[in-house]
Amino acid sequence: MGGGAHLRALRRTAVGGFTAAEAAAPVDAVLQPAAAALRDYVSVVVGPEVAAMISHGRPLDRVDGFDGSGPWAVLDQSGTLLAVYEAADDERCRPAVVLT
């Protein structure tokens, strides 16, 4: 192209939903719950019966909450991340990652 250019400084101001304003020095860092890492995902909250199925890696029917194409962060009623599910087809979803 004939033009010269260079970069003198580069600063990342955001990664996904995390911004530089939320950053902390390593000595001041606070461990966040796993669900915080997936806060940009659509979250689906499930009851104890479905949570038990998830703990065994069972595929689930795409019912209320599993809208769109996924992936979905699946949480228990206390907000703890149980798993990340992805679409298997139009009617079912399957676990991509299950946390125990």
Protein backbone atom coordinates (compact mmCIF):
# COMPACT_ATOMS: atom_id res chain seq x y z
CA MET A 1 0.00 0.00 0.00
CA GLY A 2 3.00 2.26 0.20
CA GLY A 3 2.24 3.77 3.61
CA GLY A 4 4.28 3.31 6.74
CA ALA A 5 2.66 2.82 10.12
CA HIS A 6 3.55 1.65 13.57
CA LEU A 7 1.88 1.11 16.89
CA ARG A 8 3.30 2.88 19.89
CA ALA A 9 0.87 1.64 22.57
CA LEU A 10 -1.98 -0.81 22.83
CA ARG A 11 -4.34 -1.18 25.78
CA ARG A 12 -7.15 -3.70 26.02
CA THR A 13 -10.14 -1.95 27.55
CA ALA A 14 -12.56 -4.88 27.58
CA VAL A 15 -12.73 -8.64 27.19
CA GLY A 16 -16.30 -9.75 26.62
CA GLY A 17 -18.36 -8.14 29.35
CA PHE A 18 -15.35 -7.42 31.56
CA THR A 19 -14.00 -3.88 31.40
CA ALA A 20 -10.80 -2.19 32.51
CA ALA A 21 -12.82 -0.34 35.16
CA GLU A 22 -13.41 -3.70 36.90
CA ALA A 23 -9.74 -4.70 36.83
CA ALA A 24 -7.67 -4.97 40.00
CA ALA A 25 -4.00 -5.36 40.73
CA PRO A 26 -3.02 -8.99 41.43
CA VAL A 27 -2.57 -8.27 45.15
CA ASP A 28 -6.10 -6.83 45.30
CA ALA A 29 -7.78 -9.49 43.17
CA VAL A 30 -10.82 -11.27 44.58
CA LEU A 31 -11.79 -14.76 43.45
CA GLN A 32 -15.12 -14.61 41.65
CA PRO A 33 -17.64 -17.46 41.40
CA ALA A 34 -17.46 -19.53 38.21
CA ALA A 35 -20.80 -18.12 37.05
CA ALA A 36 -19.21 -14.66 36.82
CA ALA A 37 -16.98 -15.85 33.96
CA LEU A 38 -20.09 -16.68 31.93
CA ARG A 39 -22.11 -13.58 32.73
CA ASP A 40 -22.45 -12.77 29.02
CA TYR A 41 -24.12 -16.14 28.36
CA VAL A 42 -27.86 -16.68 28.59
CA SER A 43 -28.42 -18.19 32.05
CA VAL A 44 -30.94 -20.92 32.79
CA VAL A 45 -31.86 -21.59 36.43
CA VAL A 46 -32.96 -25.15 37.22
CA GLY A 47 -34.49 -26.86 40.21
CA PRO A 48 -33.00 -29.75 42.23
CA GLU A 49 -34.48 -32.50 40.06
CA VAL A 50 -32.96 -31.14 36.84
CA ALA A 51 -29.72 -30.29 38.70
CA ALA A 52 -29.39 -33.99 39.59
CA MET A 53 -29.81 -34.93 35.92
CA ILE A 54 -27.17 -32.37 34.95
CA SER A 55 -24.70 -33.78 37.48
CA HIS A 56 -24.89 -37.07 35.54
CA GLY A 57 -24.32 -35.33 32.20
CA ARG A 58 -27.81 -35.95 30.87
CA PRO A 59 -29.06 -34.17 27.75
CA LEU A 60 -32.05 -31.96 28.40
CA ASP A 61 -35.15 -31.00 26.47
CA ARG A 62 -35.01 -27.39 25.32
CA VAL A 63 -37.72 -25.97 27.53
CA ASP A 64 -38.19 -22.49 28.95
CA GLY A 65 -34.92 -20.61 29.22
CA PHE A 66 -33.01 -22.53 26.57
CA ASP A 67 -33.80 -19.88 23.97
CA GLY A 68 -31.64 -19.14 20.96
CA SER A 69 -28.73 -21.21 19.76
CA GLY A 70 -26.73 -21.34 23.02
CA PRO A 71 -24.45 -21.96 24.70
CA TRP A 72 -26.23 -21.55 28.03
CA ALA A 73 -24.88 -21.22 31.55
CA VAL A 74 -26.97 -23.54 33.70
CA LEU A 75 -27.26 -22.47 37.34
CA ASP A 76 -28.91 -23.93 40.40
CA GLN A 77 -31.38 -21.87 42.41
CA SER A 78 -28.58 -20.38 44.53
CA GLY A 79 -26.74 -19.11 41.43
CA THR A 80 -23.99 -21.74 41.40
CA LEU A 81 -22.80 -22.72 37.92
CA LEU A 82 -23.63 -26.38 37.28
CA ALA A 83 -22.79 -26.73 33.60
CA VAL A 84 -22.56 -25.17 30.18
CA TYR A 85 -25.01 -26.65 27.69
CA GLU A 86 -25.08 -26.34 23.90
CA ALA A 87 -27.72 -27.12 21.31
CA ALA A 88 -27.87 -30.71 20.14
CA ASP A 89 -30.80 -30.05 17.80
CA ASP A 90 -34.00 -27.99 17.80
CA GLU A 91 -35.50 -29.97 20.68
CA ARG A 92 -32.58 -31.02 22.89
CA CYS A 93 -29.40 -29.63 24.36
CA ARG A 94 -26.34 -31.46 25.63
CA PRO A 95 -23.65 -30.67 28.18
CA ALA A 96 -20.42 -29.15 26.91
CA VAL A 97 -18.97 -28.86 30.43
CA VAL A 98 -20.37 -30.24 33.70
CA LEU A 99 -19.00 -28.96 37.02
CA THR A 100 -19.38 -31.14 40.09
